[in-house]
PDB file of N, CA and C in Angstrom:
ATOM      1  N   MET A   1     -16.811 -40.878   9.490  1.00  0.00           N
ATOM      2  CA  MET A   1     -17.821 -40.326  10.226  1.00  0.00           C
ATOM      3  C   MET A   1     -17.823 -41.436  11.039  1.00  0.00           C
ATOM      4  N   LYS A   2     -16.599 -41.752  11.592  1.00  0.00           N
ATOM      5  CA  LYS A   2     -16.536 -42.966  12.912  1.00  0.00           C
ATOM      6  C   LYS A   2     -16.699 -42.709  14.154  1.00  0.00           C
ATOM      7  N   LYS A   3     -16.068 -41.390  14.535  1.00  0.00           N
ATOM      8  CA  LYS A   3     -16.111 -40.790  16.345  1.00  0.00           C
ATOM      9  C   LYS A   3     -17.629 -40.480  16.395  1.00  0.00           C
ATOM     10  N   ILE A   4     -18.339 -40.924  17.328  1.00  0.00           N
ATOM     11  CA  ILE A   4     -19.352 -40.781  17.622  1.00  0.00           C
ATOM     12  C   ILE A   4     -19.467 -40.019  18.475  1.00  0.00           C
ATOM     13  N   GLU A   5     -20.411 -38.869  18.896  1.00  0.00           N
ATOM     14  CA  GLU A   5     -20.434 -37.547  19.230  1.00  0.00           C
ATOM     15  C   GLU A   5     -21.859 -37.446  20.009  1.00  0.00           C
ATOM     16  N   TYR A   6     -23.109 -37.937  19.974  1.00  0.00           N
ATOM     17  CA  TYR A   6     -24.171 -37.883  20.151  1.00  0.00           C
ATOM     18  C   TYR A   6     -24.923 -39.062  20.525  1.00  0.00           C
ATOM     19  N   PHE A   7     -24.661 -40.044  19.764  1.00  0.00           N
ATOM     20  CA  PHE A   7     -25.435 -41.046  20.544  1.00  0.00           C
ATOM     21  C   PHE A   7     -24.609 -42.779  19.932  1.00  0.00           C
ATOM     22  N   ASP A   8     -24.790 -42.960  20.977  1.00  0.00           N
ATOM     23  CA  ASP A   8     -23.611 -44.535  21.088  1.00  0.00           C
ATOM     24  C   ASP A   8     -24.499 -45.689  20.354  1.00  0.00           C
ATOM     25  N   TYR A   9     -24.588 -45.539  18.942  1.00  0.00           N
ATOM     26  CA  TYR A   9     -25.508 -46.458  18.624  1.00  0.00           C
ATOM     27  C   TYR A   9     -24.551 -47.984  18.454  1.00  0.00           C
ATOM     28  N   GLU A  10     -22.956 -47.578  17.979  1.00  0.00           N
ATOM     29  CA  GLU A  10     -22.483 -49.053  17.921  1.00  0.00           C
ATOM     30  C   GLU A  10     -22.616 -49.500  19.565  1.00  0.00           C
ATOM     31  N   LYS A  11     -22.682 -49.185  20.490  1.00  0.00           N
ATOM     32  CA  LYS A  11     -23.143 -49.977  21.687  1.00  0.00           C
ATOM     33  C   LYS A  11     -24.424 -50.655  21.809  1.00  0.00           C
ATOM     34  N   VAL A  12     -25.401 -49.886  21.062  1.00  0.00           N
ATOM     35  CA  VAL A  12     -26.805 -50.258  21.068  1.00  0.00           C
ATOM     36  C   VAL A  12     -26.607 -51.828  20.232  1.00  0.00           C
ATOM     37  N   ALA A  13     -25.752 -51.438  18.553  1.00  0.00           N
ATOM     38  CA  ALA A  13     -25.728 -52.357  17.507  1.00  0.00           C
ATOM     39  C   ALA A  13     -25.267 -53.917  18.414  1.00  0.00           C
ATOM     40  N   ARG A  14     -24.277 -53.680  18.949  1.00  0.00           N
ATOM     41  CA  ARG A  14     -23.396 -54.687  19.815  1.00  0.00           C
ATOM     42  C   ARG A  14     -24.553 -55.649  21.209  1.00  0.00           C
ATOM     43  N   ASP A  15     -25.189 -54.819  21.739  1.00  0.00           N
ATOM     44  CA  ASP A  15     -26.395 -55.610  22.694  1.00  0.00           C
ATOM     45  C   ASP A  15     -27.288 -56.134  22.135  1.00  0.00           C
ATOM     46  N   MET A  16     -27.720 -55.731  20.500  1.00  0.00           N
ATOM     47  CA  MET A  16     -28.621 -56.332  19.908  1.00  0.00           C
ATOM     48  C   MET A  16     -28.029 -57.465  18.898  1.00  0.00           C
ATOM     49  N   ASN A  17     -27.028 -57.846  19.102  1.00  0.00           N
ATOM     50  CA  ASN A  17     -26.616 -58.518  18.036  1.00  0.00           C
ATOM     51  C   ASN A  17     -26.108 -58.284  16.887  1.00  0.00           C
ATOM     52  N   LEU A  18     -26.071 -57.172  16.410  1.00  0.00           N
ATOM     53  CA  LEU A  18     -26.523 -56.645  14.595  1.00  0.00           C
ATOM     54  C   LEU A  18     -25.365 -57.195  14.202  1.00  0.00           C
ATOM     55  N   PRO A  19     -25.013 -57.825  13.113  1.00  0.00           N
ATOM     56  CA  PRO A  19     -23.785 -58.068  12.261  1.00  0.00           C
ATOM     57  C   PRO A  19     -23.060 -56.472  11.731  1.00  0.00           C
ATOM     58  N   ASP A  20     -22.065 -56.580  11.803  1.00  0.00           N
ATOM     59  CA  ASP A  20     -21.151 -55.458  11.546  1.00  0.00           C
ATOM     60  C   ASP A  20     -21.484 -55.272   9.766  1.00  0.00           C
ATOM     61  N   SER A  21     -21.753 -56.241   9.228  1.00  0.00           N
ATOM     62  CA  SER A  21     -22.283 -56.045   7.607  1.00  0.00           C
ATOM     63  C   SER A  21     -23.553 -55.325   7.516  1.00  0.00           C
ATOM     64  N   ILE A  22     -24.692 -55.690   8.271  1.00  0.00           N
ATOM     65  CA  ILE A  22     -25.525 -54.824   8.385  1.00  0.00           C
ATOM     66  C   ILE A  22     -25.372 -53.486   8.822  1.00  0.00           C
ATOM     67  N   LEU A  23     -24.772 -53.151   9.903  1.00  0.00           N
ATOM     68  CA  LEU A  23     -24.518 -51.989  10.813  1.00  0.00           C
ATOM     69  C   LEU A  23     -24.018 -51.069   9.099  1.00  0.00           C
ATOM     70  N   LYS A  24     -23.033 -51.868   8.567  1.00  0.00           N
ATOM     71  CA  LYS A  24     -22.272 -50.725   7.695  1.00  0.00           C
ATOM     72  C   LYS A  24     -23.265 -50.132   6.665  1.00  0.00           C
ATOM     73  N   LYS A  25     -24.092 -51.112   6.314  1.00  0.00           N
ATOM     74  CA  LYS A  25     -25.425 -50.821   4.796  1.00  0.00           C
ATOM     75  C   LYS A  25     -26.220 -49.722   5.864  1.00  0.00           C
ATOM     76  N   ILE A  26     -26.580 -49.630   7.223  1.00  0.00           N
ATOM     77  CA  ILE A  26     -27.314 -48.964   7.708  1.00  0.00           C
ATOM     78  C   ILE A  26     -26.482 -47.592   7.410  1.00  0.00           C
ATOM     79  N   GLU A  27     -25.084 -47.737   8.007  1.00  0.00           N
ATOM     80  CA  GLU A  27     -24.279 -46.240   8.056  1.00  0.00           C
ATOM     81  C   GLU A  27     -24.456 -45.763   6.845  1.00  0.00           C
ATOM     82  N   LYS A  28     -24.184 -46.447   5.827  1.00  0.00           N
ATOM     83  CA  LYS A  28     -23.773 -45.993   4.702  1.00  0.00           C
ATOM     84  C   LYS A  28     -25.199 -45.342   3.713  1.00  0.00           C
ATOM     85  N   GLU A  29     -26.605 -45.943   3.936  1.00  0.00           N
ATOM     86  CA  GLU A  29     -27.547 -45.693   3.321  1.00  0.00           C
ATOM     87  C   GLU A  29     -28.184 -44.065   4.429  1.00  0.00           C
ATOM     88  N   VAL A  30     -28.025 -44.014   5.388  1.00  0.00           N
ATOM     89  CA  VAL A  30     -28.426 -42.939   6.250  1.00  0.00           C
ATOM     90  C   VAL A  30     -26.972 -42.085   6.213  1.00  0.00           C
ATOM     91  N   LYS A  31     -26.082 -41.833   5.512  1.00  0.00           N
ATOM     92  CA  LYS A  31     -25.149 -41.302   4.907  1.00  0.00           C
ATOM     93  C   LYS A  31     -25.448 -40.540   4.243  1.00  0.00           C
ATOM     94  N   THR A  32     -26.300 -41.066   2.942  1.00  0.00           N
ATOM     95  CA  THR A  32     -26.959 -40.264   2.001  1.00  0.00           C
ATOM     96  C   THR A  32     -27.616 -39.139   2.660  1.00  0.00           C
ATOM     97  N   GLU A  33     -28.500 -40.216   3.386  1.00  0.00           N
ATOM     98  CA  GLU A  33     -29.105 -39.014   3.690  1.00  0.00           C
ATOM     99  C   GLU A  33     -28.861 -37.767   4.406  1.00  0.00           C
ATOM    100  N   PHE A  34     -27.946 -37.759   5.180  1.00  0.00           N
ATOM    101  CA  PHE A  34     -27.732 -36.721   6.313  1.00  0.00           C
ATOM    102  C   PHE A  34     -26.289 -36.664   5.823  1.00  0.00           C
ATOM    103  N   PRO A  35     -25.500 -36.182   5.000  1.00  0.00           N
ATOM    104  CA  PRO A  35     -23.880 -36.242   4.950  1.00  0.00           C
ATOM    105  C   PRO A  35     -23.559 -34.996   5.559  1.00  0.00           C
ATOM    106  N   LYS A  36     -24.036 -34.189   5.880  1.00  0.00           N
ATOM    107  CA  LYS A  36     -23.428 -33.292   6.640  1.00  0.00           C
ATOM    108  C   LYS A  36     -23.829 -32.983   8.340  1.00  0.00           C
ATOM    109  N   ASP A  37     -24.932 -33.552   8.665  1.00  0.00           N
ATOM    110  CA  ASP A  37     -25.436 -33.607   9.526  1.00  0.00           C
ATOM    111  C   ASP A  37     -25.154 -34.728  10.672  1.00  0.00           C
ATOM    112  N   LYS A  38     -24.206 -34.471  11.523  1.00  0.00           N
ATOM    113  CA  LYS A  38     -23.679 -35.511  12.103  1.00  0.00           C
ATOM    114  C   LYS A  38     -24.861 -36.487  13.071  1.00  0.00           C
ATOM    115  N   MET A  39     -25.197 -34.905  13.907  1.00  0.00           N
ATOM    116  CA  MET A  39     -26.404 -35.383  14.711  1.00  0.00           C
ATOM    117  C   MET A  39     -27.226 -35.947  14.396  1.00  0.00           C
ATOM    118  N   MET A  40     -27.736 -35.877  13.292  1.00  0.00           N
ATOM    119  CA  MET A  40     -29.002 -36.246  12.592  1.00  0.00           C
ATOM    120  C   MET A  40     -28.639 -37.633  12.090  1.00  0.00           C
ATOM    121  N   TYR A  41     -27.500 -38.018  11.647  1.00  0.00           N
ATOM    122  CA  TYR A  41     -26.648 -39.358  11.165  1.00  0.00           C
ATOM    123  C   TYR A  41     -26.879 -40.275  12.020  1.00  0.00           C
ATOM    124  N   GLU A  42     -26.341 -39.946  13.692  1.00  0.00           N
ATOM    125  CA  GLU A  42     -26.404 -40.558  14.098  1.00  0.00           C
ATOM    126  C   GLU A  42     -27.356 -40.965  14.503  1.00  0.00           C
ATOM    127  N   LEU A  43     -28.203 -40.090  14.866  1.00  0.00           N
ATOM    128  CA  LEU A  43     -29.763 -40.658  15.532  1.00  0.00           C
ATOM    129  C   LEU A  43     -30.715 -41.475  14.583  1.00  0.00           C
ATOM    130  N   HIS A  44     -30.500 -41.397  13.297  1.00  0.00           N
ATOM    131  CA  HIS A  44     -31.308 -42.323  12.367  1.00  0.00           C
ATOM    132  C   HIS A  44     -30.597 -43.492  12.176  1.00  0.00           C
ATOM    133  N   VAL A  45     -29.130 -43.727  12.817  1.00  0.00           N
ATOM    134  CA  VAL A  45     -28.625 -44.871  12.222  1.00  0.00           C
ATOM    135  C   VAL A  45     -29.189 -45.638  13.872  1.00  0.00           C
ATOM    136  N   LEU A  46     -29.235 -45.238  14.814  1.00  0.00           N
ATOM    137  CA  LEU A  46     -29.823 -45.665  15.875  1.00  0.00           C
ATOM    138  C   LEU A  46     -31.033 -46.111  16.122  1.00  0.00           C
ATOM    139  N   ARG A  47     -31.988 -45.246  15.119  1.00  0.00           N
ATOM    140  CA  ARG A  47     -33.449 -45.159  14.809  1.00  0.00           C
ATOM    141  C   ARG A  47     -33.500 -46.641  14.227  1.00  0.00           C
ATOM    142  N   ALA A  48     -32.627 -46.907  13.443  1.00  0.00           N
ATOM    143  CA  ALA A  48     -32.546 -47.757  12.342  1.00  0.00           C
ATOM    144  C   ALA A  48     -32.443 -48.973  13.030  1.00  0.00           C
ATOM    145  N   ILE A  49     -31.448 -49.321  13.618  1.00  0.00           N
ATOM    146  CA  ILE A  49     -31.150 -50.418  14.611  1.00  0.00           C
ATOM    147  C   ILE A  49     -31.987 -50.817  15.502  1.00  0.00           C
ATOM    148  N   ARG A  50     -32.558 -49.858  16.041  1.00  0.00           N
ATOM    149  CA  ARG A  50     -33.987 -50.082  17.578  1.00  0.00           C
ATOM    150  C   ARG A  50     -35.316 -50.545  16.711  1.00  0.00           C
ATOM    151  N   SER A  51     -35.455 -50.246  15.770  1.00  0.00           N
ATOM    152  CA  SER A  51     -36.642 -50.961  15.133  1.00  0.00           C
ATOM    153  C   SER A  51     -36.837 -52.081  14.474  1.00  0.00           C
ATOM    154  N   LYS A  52     -35.364 -52.775  14.727  1.00  0.00           N
ATOM    155  CA  LYS A  52     -35.723 -54.319  14.142  1.00  0.00           C
ATOM    156  C   LYS A  52     -36.013 -54.734  13.386  1.00  0.00           C
ATOM    157  N   TYR A  53     -36.047 -53.540  12.132  1.00  0.00           N
ATOM    158  CA  TYR A  53     -36.595 -53.743  10.754  1.00  0.00           C
ATOM    159  C   TYR A  53     -35.271 -54.541   9.881  1.00  0.00           C
ATOM    160  N   TRP A  54     -34.076 -54.326  10.622  1.00  0.00           N
ATOM    161  CA  TRP A  54     -33.349 -55.233   9.776  1.00  0.00           C
ATOM    162  C   TRP A  54     -33.192 -56.431  10.065  1.00  0.00           C
ATOM    163  N   GLN A  55     -33.505 -56.913  11.251  1.00  0.00           N
ATOM    164  CA  GLN A  55     -34.213 -58.561  11.439  1.00  0.00           C
ATOM    165  C   GLN A  55     -34.603 -59.221  10.478  1.00  0.00           C
ATOM    166  N   LYS A  56     -35.736 -58.633  10.057  1.00  0.00           N
ATOM    167  CA  LYS A  56     -36.823 -58.662   9.301  1.00  0.00           C
ATOM    168  C   LYS A  56     -35.877 -59.097   7.368  1.00  0.00           C
ATOM    169  N   ALA A  57     -35.421 -57.920   7.658  1.00  0.00           N
ATOM    170  CA  ALA A  57     -34.612 -57.830   6.112  1.00  0.00           C
ATOM    171  C   ALA A  57     -33.414 -59.329   5.932  1.00  0.00           C
ATOM    172  N   ALA A  58     -32.811 -59.156   7.128  1.00  0.00           N
ATOM    173  CA  ALA A  58     -31.866 -60.336   7.401  1.00  0.00           C
ATOM    174  C   ALA A  58     -32.485 -61.629   6.454  1.00  0.00           C
ATOM    175  N   VAL A  59     -33.631 -62.111   6.992  1.00  0.00           N
ATOM    176  CA  VAL A  59     -34.459 -63.218   7.213  1.00  0.00           C
ATOM    177  C   VAL A  59     -34.789 -63.827   5.665  1.00  0.00           C
ATOM    178  N   GLN A  60     -35.400 -62.494   5.076  1.00  0.00           N
ATOM    179  CA  GLN A  60     -35.591 -62.463   3.327  1.00  0.00           C
ATOM    180  C   GLN A  60     -34.673 -62.652   2.731  1.00  0.00           C
TER     181      GLN A  60
END
């Protein structure tokens, strides 16, 4: 599921300096929730990135 079709969440991740390892974890988790719906997958990855919850999780 690499080709982005709906939401360019990778650009947002780069702009927010999100480490690749955390992006991969987010992608994997969201993939389990939306295995067949690419638009919902990309939307939820984007929302997880923009929520900045990953910053709190990285500190703990």
